[in-house]
């Protein structure tokens, strides 16, 4: 089991200056806190009409660290050539693909996303959806990307019995609204990162590990928009066995990735 971060990024953020946004900085932070591998997205893609050039740039940015950083490219199912982007991700051995329907003016459970879900499921490739990049109170006025809706996640999960979704940046209420609206078999195909779930004193994470199940969660940091220490500190404050901590740091991700 490798400690894996499923919610890391490189590249400049369109709405806020980042002091550090390079792959070199990301590796240094991973070494500092003990993260062995990261699934990496490219932040500028949020505002690019066509994600294909950004996907190529992502591969260039992380090329020096093939054993540590795995590129997670973006697929925009509203474009005519999106199938080529999906096939390129499969050929490159990507662990998943990302989709940002809220930034591409697409219904998150509409026909375009359902076709993408079916194609990704048929290829055995998971889709990563992000609830939000920043809190609404922090956003630049020009940032009009909409947050992901819990109902969209439920409907998308029901659209294909083989689809696997990894949802990042969800809080407790979002997780509960989705999880308790799915069947147990549907929930098995859905994985959450816990970067936006509160630890003590609210202890939302401890509650969800009990009510939703520890197997449904995995590590995500949100670097460089967030510091990795906060995600790992939540685990340090949990009263759990080392075996359960290992699940949250990568064991659950490996089991979920092996689903077919």
C-alpha atoms as a PDB file:
ATOM      1  CA  UNK A   1       0.000   0.000   0.000  1.00  0.00           C
ATOM      2  CA  UNK A   2       1.372   3.381  -1.050  1.00  0.00           C
ATOM      3  CA  UNK A   3       0.268   6.645   0.557  1.00  0.00           C
ATOM      4  CA  UNK A   4      -1.508   8.346  -2.339  1.00  0.00           C
ATOM      5  CA  UNK A   5      -2.984  11.820  -2.704  1.00  0.00           C
ATOM      6  CA  UNK A   6      -5.868  11.837  -5.204  1.00  0.00           C
ATOM      7  CA  UNK A   7      -6.434  15.609  -5.233  1.00  0.00           C
ATOM      8  CA  UNK A   8      -3.194  17.379  -6.131  1.00  0.00           C
ATOM      9  CA  UNK A   9      -2.551  19.938  -8.857  1.00  0.00           C
ATOM     10  CA  UNK A  10       0.170  21.790 -10.724  1.00  0.00           C
ATOM     11  CA  UNK A  11      -0.029  24.975 -12.763  1.00  0.00           C
ATOM     12  CA  UNK A  12      -1.250  28.480 -12.100  1.00  0.00           C
ATOM     13  CA  UNK A  13      -4.702  29.084 -10.691  1.00  0.00           C
ATOM     14  CA  UNK A  14      -6.721  31.567 -12.783  1.00  0.00           C
ATOM     15  CA  UNK A  15      -8.156  33.524  -9.829  1.00  0.00           C
ATOM     16  CA  UNK A  16      -5.395  33.615  -7.233  1.00  0.00           C
ATOM     17  CA  UNK A  17      -1.636  33.933  -7.347  1.00  0.00           C
ATOM     18  CA  UNK A  18       0.065  30.804  -6.087  1.00  0.00           C
ATOM     19  CA  UNK A  19       3.508  31.110  -4.556  1.00  0.00           C
ATOM     20  CA  UNK A  20       4.307  27.543  -5.549  1.00  0.00           C
ATOM     21  CA  UNK A  21       2.636  25.564  -8.321  1.00  0.00           C
ATOM     22  CA  UNK A  22       5.357  23.413  -9.865  1.00  0.00           C
ATOM     23  CA  UNK A  23       5.880  19.672  -9.833  1.00  0.00           C
ATOM     24  CA  UNK A  24       9.187  20.196  -7.993  1.00  0.00           C
ATOM     25  CA  UNK A  25       7.381  21.984  -5.157  1.00  0.00           C
ATOM     26  CA  UNK A  26       4.706  19.303  -5.070  1.00  0.00           C
ATOM     27  CA  UNK A  27       7.327  16.571  -4.715  1.00  0.00           C
ATOM     28  CA  UNK A  28       9.046  18.452  -1.885  1.00  0.00           C
ATOM     29  CA  UNK A  29       5.758  18.722  -0.005  1.00  0.00           C
ATOM     30  CA  UNK A  30       5.001  15.062  -0.572  1.00  0.00           C
ATOM     31  CA  UNK A  31       8.425  14.099   0.779  1.00  0.00           C
ATOM     32  CA  UNK A  32       7.943  16.352   3.793  1.00  0.00           C
ATOM     33  CA  UNK A  33       4.659  14.766   4.884  1.00  0.00           C
ATOM     34  CA  UNK A  34       5.250  11.213   3.684  1.00  0.00           C
ATOM     35  CA  UNK A  35       3.063  11.007   0.569  1.00  0.00           C
ATOM     36  CA  UNK A  36       4.523   8.582  -1.946  1.00  0.00           C
ATOM     37  CA  UNK A  37       2.327   9.163  -4.994  1.00  0.00           C
ATOM     38  CA  UNK A  38      -0.157  11.760  -6.237  1.00  0.00           C
ATOM     39  CA  UNK A  39      -2.867  11.860  -8.894  1.00  0.00           C
ATOM     40  CA  UNK A  40      -2.278  15.274 -10.460  1.00  0.00           C
ATOM     41  CA  UNK A  41      -4.524  17.672 -12.345  1.00  0.00           C
ATOM     42  CA  UNK A  42      -3.658  20.898 -14.177  1.00  0.00           C
ATOM     43  CA  UNK A  43      -5.327  24.002 -12.742  1.00  0.00           C
ATOM     44  CA  UNK A  44      -5.318  26.233 -15.877  1.00  0.00           C
ATOM     45  CA  UNK A  45      -7.564  23.697 -17.622  1.00  0.00           C
ATOM     46  CA  UNK A  46     -10.523  25.136 -15.723  1.00  0.00           C
ATOM     47  CA  UNK A  47     -10.704  28.087 -18.125  1.00  0.00           C
ATOM     48  CA  UNK A  48      -9.487  26.476 -21.323  1.00  0.00           C
ATOM     49  CA  UNK A  49     -12.170  25.895 -23.930  1.00  0.00           C
ATOM     50  CA  UNK A  50     -10.413  22.775 -25.197  1.00  0.00           C
ATOM     51  CA  UNK A  51      -8.609  20.700 -22.526  1.00  0.00           C
ATOM     52  CA  UNK A  52      -6.426  18.745 -24.993  1.00  0.00           C
ATOM     53  CA  UNK A  53      -3.479  21.227 -25.054  1.00  0.00           C
ATOM     54  CA  UNK A  54      -3.636  21.516 -21.264  1.00  0.00           C
ATOM     55  CA  UNK A  55      -3.556  17.748 -20.920  1.00  0.00           C
ATOM     56  CA  UNK A  56      -0.387  17.697 -23.000  1.00  0.00           C
ATOM     57  CA  UNK A  57       1.102  20.425 -20.822  1.00  0.00           C
ATOM     58  CA  UNK A  58       0.217  18.452 -17.689  1.00  0.00           C
ATOM     59  CA  UNK A  59       2.236  15.498 -18.939  1.00  0.00           C
ATOM     60  CA  UNK A  60       5.162  17.821 -19.671  1.00  0.00           C
ATOM     61  CA  UNK A  61       4.987  19.422 -16.220  1.00  0.00           C
ATOM     62  CA  UNK A  62       5.226  16.133 -14.323  1.00  0.00           C
ATOM     63  CA  UNK A  63       7.431  14.183 -16.766  1.00  0.00           C
ATOM     64  CA  UNK A  64      10.428  14.252 -14.410  1.00  0.00           C
ATOM     65  CA  UNK A  65       8.592  12.206 -11.775  1.00  0.00           C
ATOM     66  CA  UNK A  66       6.911   9.255 -13.519  1.00  0.00           C
ATOM     67  CA  UNK A  67       7.078   7.048 -10.412  1.00  0.00           C
ATOM     68  CA  UNK A  68       5.600   9.677  -8.107  1.00  0.00           C
ATOM     69  CA  UNK A  69       3.114  11.752 -10.113  1.00  0.00           C
ATOM     70  CA  UNK A  70       0.306  10.344 -12.254  1.00  0.00           C
ATOM     71  CA  UNK A  71      -1.421  12.669 -14.728  1.00  0.00           C
ATOM     72  CA  UNK A  72      -5.211  12.831 -14.519  1.00  0.00           C
ATOM     73  CA  UNK A  73      -6.302  14.588 -17.725  1.00  0.00           C
ATOM     74  CA  UNK A  74      -9.587  16.397 -18.312  1.00  0.00           C
ATOM     75  CA  UNK A  75     -12.294  15.268 -20.728  1.00  0.00           C
ATOM     76  CA  UNK A  76     -14.903  17.757 -21.936  1.00  0.00           C
ATOM     77  CA  UNK A  77     -17.831  15.676 -23.253  1.00  0.00           C
ATOM     78  CA  UNK A  78     -19.461  18.727 -24.805  1.00  0.00           C
ATOM     79  CA  UNK A  79     -16.768  18.954 -27.488  1.00  0.00           C
ATOM     80  CA  UNK A  80     -16.898  17.028 -30.784  1.00  0.00           C
ATOM     81  CA  UNK A  81     -13.538  15.288 -30.260  1.00  0.00           C
ATOM     82  CA  UNK A  82     -13.835  14.333 -26.589  1.00  0.00           C
ATOM     83  CA  UNK A  83     -13.513  10.616 -27.398  1.00  0.00           C
ATOM     84  CA  UNK A  84      -9.949  11.275 -28.587  1.00  0.00           C
ATOM     85  CA  UNK A  85      -9.080  12.823 -25.222  1.00  0.00           C
ATOM     86  CA  UNK A  86     -10.543   9.814 -23.413  1.00  0.00           C
ATOM     87  CA  UNK A  87      -8.624   7.397 -25.631  1.00  0.00           C
ATOM     88  CA  UNK A  88      -5.419   9.378 -25.100  1.00  0.00           C
ATOM     89  CA  UNK A  89      -5.878   9.086 -21.338  1.00  0.00           C
ATOM     90  CA  UNK A  90      -6.395   5.331 -21.618  1.00  0.00           C
ATOM     91  CA  UNK A  91      -3.323   4.914 -23.836  1.00  0.00           C
ATOM     92  CA  UNK A  92      -1.226   6.975 -21.414  1.00  0.00           C
ATOM     93  CA  UNK A  93      -2.228   4.739 -18.511  1.00  0.00           C
ATOM     94  CA  UNK A  94      -4.031   7.463 -16.570  1.00  0.00           C
ATOM     95  CA  UNK A  95      -5.544   6.207 -13.287  1.00  0.00           C
ATOM     96  CA  UNK A  96      -8.663   8.318 -13.945  1.00  0.00           C
ATOM     97  CA  UNK A  97      -9.973  11.288 -15.901  1.00  0.00           C
ATOM     98  CA  UNK A  98     -11.379  14.545 -14.576  1.00  0.00           C
ATOM     99  CA  UNK A  99     -14.521  16.354 -15.674  1.00  0.00           C
ATOM    100  CA  UNK A 100     -15.595  19.881 -14.707  1.00  0.00           C
ATOM    101  CA  UNK A 101     -19.200  20.203 -15.927  1.00  0.00           C
ATOM    102  CA  UNK A 102     -19.761  23.312 -13.792  1.00  0.00           C
ATOM    103  CA  UNK A 103     -17.002  25.151 -15.656  1.00  0.00           C
ATOM    104  CA  UNK A 104     -18.065  23.917 -19.092  1.00  0.00           C
ATOM    105  CA  UNK A 105     -21.751  24.934 -18.772  1.00  0.00           C
ATOM    106  CA  UNK A 106     -22.860  21.309 -18.841  1.00  0.00           C
ATOM    107  CA  UNK A 107     -25.552  19.615 -16.808  1.00  0.00           C
ATOM    108  CA  UNK A 108     -23.554  17.386 -14.458  1.00  0.00           C
ATOM    109  CA  UNK A 109     -25.977  14.503 -15.045  1.00  0.00           C
ATOM    110  CA  UNK A 110     -27.120  15.553 -18.526  1.00  0.00           C
ATOM    111  CA  UNK A 111     -26.717  13.613 -21.790  1.00  0.00           C
ATOM    112  CA  UNK A 112     -23.087  14.630 -22.405  1.00  0.00           C
ATOM    113  CA  UNK A 113     -21.935  13.538 -18.956  1.00  0.00           C
ATOM    114  CA  UNK A 114     -23.950  10.316 -19.167  1.00  0.00           C
ATOM    115  CA  UNK A 115     -22.274   9.404 -22.451  1.00  0.00           C
ATOM    116  CA  UNK A 116     -18.868  10.122 -20.900  1.00  0.00           C
ATOM    117  CA  UNK A 117     -19.803   8.032 -17.864  1.00  0.00           C
ATOM    118  CA  UNK A 118     -20.783   5.099 -20.069  1.00  0.00           C
ATOM    119  CA  UNK A 119     -17.607   5.347 -22.168  1.00  0.00           C
ATOM    120  CA  UNK A 120     -15.329   5.636 -19.124  1.00  0.00           C
ATOM    121  CA  UNK A 121     -17.111   2.740 -17.412  1.00  0.00           C
ATOM    122  CA  UNK A 122     -16.735   0.563 -20.502  1.00  0.00           C
ATOM    123  CA  UNK A 123     -13.014   1.338 -20.520  1.00  0.00           C
ATOM    124  CA  UNK A 124     -12.718   0.632 -16.798  1.00  0.00           C
ATOM    125  CA  UNK A 125     -11.550   4.190 -16.159  1.00  0.00           C
ATOM    126  CA  UNK A 126     -12.878   6.139 -13.136  1.00  0.00           C
ATOM    127  CA  UNK A 127     -14.042   9.755 -13.337  1.00  0.00           C
ATOM    128  CA  UNK A 128     -13.010  12.365 -10.778  1.00  0.00           C
ATOM    129  CA  UNK A 129     -15.578  15.061 -10.022  1.00  0.00           C
ATOM    130  CA  UNK A 130     -14.818  18.081  -7.844  1.00  0.00           C
ATOM    131  CA  UNK A 131     -17.585  19.643  -5.764  1.00  0.00           C
ATOM    132  CA  UNK A 132     -15.851  23.026  -5.674  1.00  0.00           C
ATOM    133  CA  UNK A 133     -12.365  24.412  -6.159  1.00  0.00           C
ATOM    134  CA  UNK A 134     -12.771  27.243  -3.663  1.00  0.00           C
ATOM    135  CA  UNK A 135     -15.394  28.185  -1.117  1.00  0.00           C
ATOM    136  CA  UNK A 136     -18.037  30.518  -2.539  1.00  0.00           C
ATOM    137  CA  UNK A 137     -16.991  33.233  -0.069  1.00  0.00           C
ATOM    138  CA  UNK A 138     -13.438  33.246  -1.451  1.00  0.00           C
ATOM    139  CA  UNK A 139     -14.227  33.348  -5.140  1.00  0.00           C
ATOM    140  CA  UNK A 140     -13.328  36.058  -7.593  1.00  0.00           C
ATOM    141  CA  UNK A 141     -16.405  37.728  -9.115  1.00  0.00           C
ATOM    142  CA  UNK A 142     -15.398  36.395 -12.533  1.00  0.00           C
ATOM    143  CA  UNK A 143     -15.409  32.814 -11.263  1.00  0.00           C
ATOM    144  CA  UNK A 144     -18.835  31.672 -12.405  1.00  0.00           C
ATOM    145  CA  UNK A 145     -18.198  27.938 -12.295  1.00  0.00           C
ATOM    146  CA  UNK A 146     -21.061  26.225 -10.486  1.00  0.00           C
ATOM    147  CA  UNK A 147     -20.641  23.795  -7.597  1.00  0.00           C
ATOM    148  CA  UNK A 148     -21.409  20.146  -8.187  1.00  0.00           C
ATOM    149  CA  UNK A 149     -24.852  19.100  -6.914  1.00  0.00           C
ATOM    150  CA  UNK A 150     -25.360  16.005  -4.782  1.00  0.00           C
ATOM    151  CA  UNK A 151     -28.343  14.970  -6.916  1.00  0.00           C
ATOM    152  CA  UNK A 152     -26.101  14.968  -9.997  1.00  0.00           C
ATOM    153  CA  UNK A 153     -23.700  12.517  -8.371  1.00  0.00           C
ATOM    154  CA  UNK A 154     -26.550  10.181  -7.413  1.00  0.00           C
ATOM    155  CA  UNK A 155     -28.095  10.283 -10.878  1.00  0.00           C
ATOM    156  CA  UNK A 156     -24.754   9.779 -12.596  1.00  0.00           C
ATOM    157  CA  UNK A 157     -23.980   6.777 -10.411  1.00  0.00           C
ATOM    158  CA  UNK A 158     -27.319   5.243 -11.392  1.00  0.00           C
ATOM    159  CA  UNK A 159     -26.740   5.885 -15.100  1.00  0.00           C
ATOM    160  CA  UNK A 160     -24.254   3.020 -15.492  1.00  0.00           C
ATOM    161  CA  UNK A 161     -23.812  -0.009 -13.267  1.00  0.00           C
ATOM    162  CA  UNK A 162     -20.055  -0.167 -13.976  1.00  0.00           C
ATOM    163  CA  UNK A 163     -19.205   3.502 -13.408  1.00  0.00           C
ATOM    164  CA  UNK A 164     -16.704   4.411 -10.689  1.00  0.00           C
ATOM    165  CA  UNK A 165     -16.663   7.959  -9.363  1.00  0.00           C
ATOM    166  CA  UNK A 166     -14.166   9.663  -7.089  1.00  0.00           C
ATOM    167  CA  UNK A 167     -15.654  12.855  -5.643  1.00  0.00           C
ATOM    168  CA  UNK A 168     -13.280  15.389  -4.117  1.00  0.00           C
ATOM    169  CA  UNK A 169     -13.799  18.516  -2.002  1.00  0.00           C
ATOM    170  CA  UNK A 170     -17.140  17.397  -0.540  1.00  0.00           C
ATOM    171  CA  UNK A 171     -18.236  18.299   2.988  1.00  0.00           C
ATOM    172  CA  UNK A 172     -20.233  16.200   5.432  1.00  0.00           C
ATOM    173  CA  UNK A 173     -23.701  17.265   4.267  1.00  0.00           C
ATOM    174  CA  UNK A 174     -22.845  16.568   0.623  1.00  0.00           C
ATOM    175  CA  UNK A 175     -21.489  13.106   1.428  1.00  0.00           C
ATOM    176  CA  UNK A 176     -24.554  12.227   3.485  1.00  0.00           C
ATOM    177  CA  UNK A 177     -26.993  13.504   0.863  1.00  0.00           C
ATOM    178  CA  UNK A 178     -25.397  11.319  -1.786  1.00  0.00           C
ATOM    179  CA  UNK A 179     -24.546   8.226   0.243  1.00  0.00           C
ATOM    180  CA  UNK A 180     -27.913   7.720   1.909  1.00  0.00           C
ATOM    181  CA  UNK A 181     -29.649   8.086  -1.456  1.00  0.00           C
ATOM    182  CA  UNK A 182     -27.703   5.212  -3.038  1.00  0.00           C
ATOM    183  CA  UNK A 183     -27.969   1.469  -2.682  1.00  0.00           C
ATOM    184  CA  UNK A 184     -25.070  -0.359  -0.975  1.00  0.00           C
ATOM    185  CA  UNK A 185     -23.866  -1.724  -4.318  1.00  0.00           C
ATOM    186  CA  UNK A 186     -23.899   1.759  -5.845  1.00  0.00           C
ATOM    187  CA  UNK A 187     -21.999   3.165  -2.864  1.00  0.00           C
ATOM    188  CA  UNK A 188     -19.243   0.584  -3.341  1.00  0.00           C
ATOM    189  CA  UNK A 189     -18.360   2.236  -6.665  1.00  0.00           C
ATOM    190  CA  UNK A 190     -18.089   5.700  -5.129  1.00  0.00           C
ATOM    191  CA  UNK A 191     -15.025   6.984  -3.272  1.00  0.00           C
ATOM    192  CA  UNK A 192     -14.616  10.281  -1.391  1.00  0.00           C
ATOM    193  CA  UNK A 193     -11.555  12.263  -0.457  1.00  0.00           C
ATOM    194  CA  UNK A 194     -11.749  13.931   2.954  1.00  0.00           C
ATOM    195  CA  UNK A 195      -9.917  17.206   2.264  1.00  0.00           C
ATOM    196  CA  UNK A 196     -13.036  19.347   2.915  1.00  0.00           C
ATOM    197  CA  UNK A 197     -14.514  17.304   5.767  1.00  0.00           C
ATOM    198  CA  UNK A 198     -14.076  18.859   9.194  1.00  0.00           C
ATOM    199  CA  UNK A 199     -12.077  17.123  11.888  1.00  0.00           C
ATOM    200  CA  UNK A 200     -12.162  18.123  15.582  1.00  0.00           C
ATOM    201  CA  UNK A 201     -13.882  19.797  17.286  1.00  0.00           C
ATOM    202  CA  UNK A 202     -16.855  19.125  14.963  1.00  0.00           C
ATOM    203  CA  UNK A 203     -15.539  15.617  14.216  1.00  0.00           C
ATOM    204  CA  UNK A 204     -17.484  15.322  10.979  1.00  0.00           C
ATOM    205  CA  UNK A 205     -14.860  12.933   9.603  1.00  0.00           C
ATOM    206  CA  UNK A 206     -15.064  10.599  12.599  1.00  0.00           C
ATOM    207  CA  UNK A 207     -18.854  10.545  12.287  1.00  0.00           C
ATOM    208  CA  UNK A 208     -18.791   9.770   8.551  1.00  0.00           C
ATOM    209  CA  UNK A 209     -16.278   6.970   9.009  1.00  0.00           C
ATOM    210  CA  UNK A 210     -18.837   5.353  11.291  1.00  0.00           C
ATOM    211  CA  UNK A 211     -22.076   6.103   9.443  1.00  0.00           C
ATOM    212  CA  UNK A 212     -20.914   5.917   5.815  1.00  0.00           C
ATOM    213  CA  UNK A 213     -18.026   3.490   6.340  1.00  0.00           C
ATOM    214  CA  UNK A 214     -14.273   3.865   6.486  1.00  0.00           C
ATOM    215  CA  UNK A 215     -13.886   2.008   3.166  1.00  0.00           C
ATOM    216  CA  UNK A 216     -15.529   4.888   1.306  1.00  0.00           C
ATOM    217  CA  UNK A 217     -12.806   7.494   2.014  1.00  0.00           C
ATOM    218  CA  UNK A 218      -9.265   8.202   0.843  1.00  0.00           C
ATOM    219  CA  UNK A 219      -6.581  10.864   1.144  1.00  0.00           C
ATOM    220  CA  UNK A 220      -6.806  14.090  -0.851  1.00  0.00           C
ATOM    221  CA  UNK A 221      -4.933  17.286  -0.001  1.00  0.00           C
ATOM    222  CA  UNK A 222      -5.881  19.886  -2.622  1.00  0.00           C
ATOM    223  CA  UNK A 223      -2.264  21.059  -2.971  1.00  0.00           C
ATOM    224  CA  UNK A 224      -1.223  23.750  -3.825  1.00  0.00           C
ATOM    225  CA  UNK A 225      -4.525  25.507  -3.061  1.00  0.00           C
ATOM    226  CA  UNK A 226      -4.472  23.895   0.389  1.00  0.00           C
ATOM    227  CA  UNK A 227      -1.649  22.689   2.612  1.00  0.00           C
ATOM    228  CA  UNK A 228      -1.269  18.909   2.960  1.00  0.00           C
ATOM    229  CA  UNK A 229      -0.753  19.064   6.718  1.00  0.00           C
ATOM    230  CA  UNK A 230      -4.427  19.775   7.417  1.00  0.00           C
ATOM    231  CA  UNK A 231      -5.629  16.547   5.770  1.00  0.00           C
ATOM    232  CA  UNK A 232      -3.051  14.437   7.578  1.00  0.00           C
ATOM    233  CA  UNK A 233      -3.685  16.183  10.906  1.00  0.00           C
ATOM    234  CA  UNK A 234      -7.300  14.985  10.769  1.00  0.00           C
ATOM    235  CA  UNK A 235      -6.019  11.413  10.718  1.00  0.00           C
ATOM    236  CA  UNK A 236      -3.639  12.078  13.598  1.00  0.00           C
ATOM    237  CA  UNK A 237      -6.588  13.257  15.687  1.00  0.00           C
ATOM    238  CA  UNK A 238      -8.734  10.209  14.940  1.00  0.00           C
ATOM    239  CA  UNK A 239      -8.921   7.357  17.415  1.00  0.00           C
ATOM    240  CA  UNK A 240      -8.383   4.578  14.874  1.00  0.00           C
ATOM    241  CA  UNK A 241      -6.092   1.579  14.523  1.00  0.00           C
ATOM    242  CA  UNK A 242      -3.051   1.654  12.252  1.00  0.00           C
ATOM    243  CA  UNK A 243      -4.786  -0.775   9.886  1.00  0.00           C
ATOM    244  CA  UNK A 244      -7.702   1.646   9.466  1.00  0.00           C
ATOM    245  CA  UNK A 245      -5.344   4.577   8.959  1.00  0.00           C
ATOM    246  CA  UNK A 246      -3.635   2.590   6.204  1.00  0.00           C
ATOM    247  CA  UNK A 247      -6.977   2.173   4.477  1.00  0.00           C
ATOM    248  CA  UNK A 248      -7.513   5.919   4.430  1.00  0.00           C
ATOM    249  CA  UNK A 249      -3.992   6.612   3.170  1.00  0.00           C
ATOM    250  CA  UNK A 250      -4.168   4.312   0.172  1.00  0.00           C
ATOM    251  CA  UNK A 251      -5.642   0.907   0.942  1.00  0.00           C
ATOM    252  CA  UNK A 252      -9.205   1.940   0.101  1.00  0.00           C
ATOM    253  CA  UNK A 253      -8.007   3.546  -3.131  1.00  0.00           C
ATOM    254  CA  UNK A 254      -6.257   0.363  -4.203  1.00  0.00           C
ATOM    255  CA  UNK A 255      -9.341  -1.764  -3.473  1.00  0.00           C
ATOM    256  CA  UNK A 256     -11.642   0.671  -5.300  1.00  0.00           C
ATOM    257  CA  UNK A 257      -9.258   0.932  -8.267  1.00  0.00           C
ATOM    258  CA  UNK A 258      -9.301  -2.849  -8.583  1.00  0.00           C
ATOM    259  CA  UNK A 259     -13.091  -2.979  -9.000  1.00  0.00           C
ATOM    260  CA  UNK A 260     -14.295  -4.134 -12.394  1.00  0.00           C
END
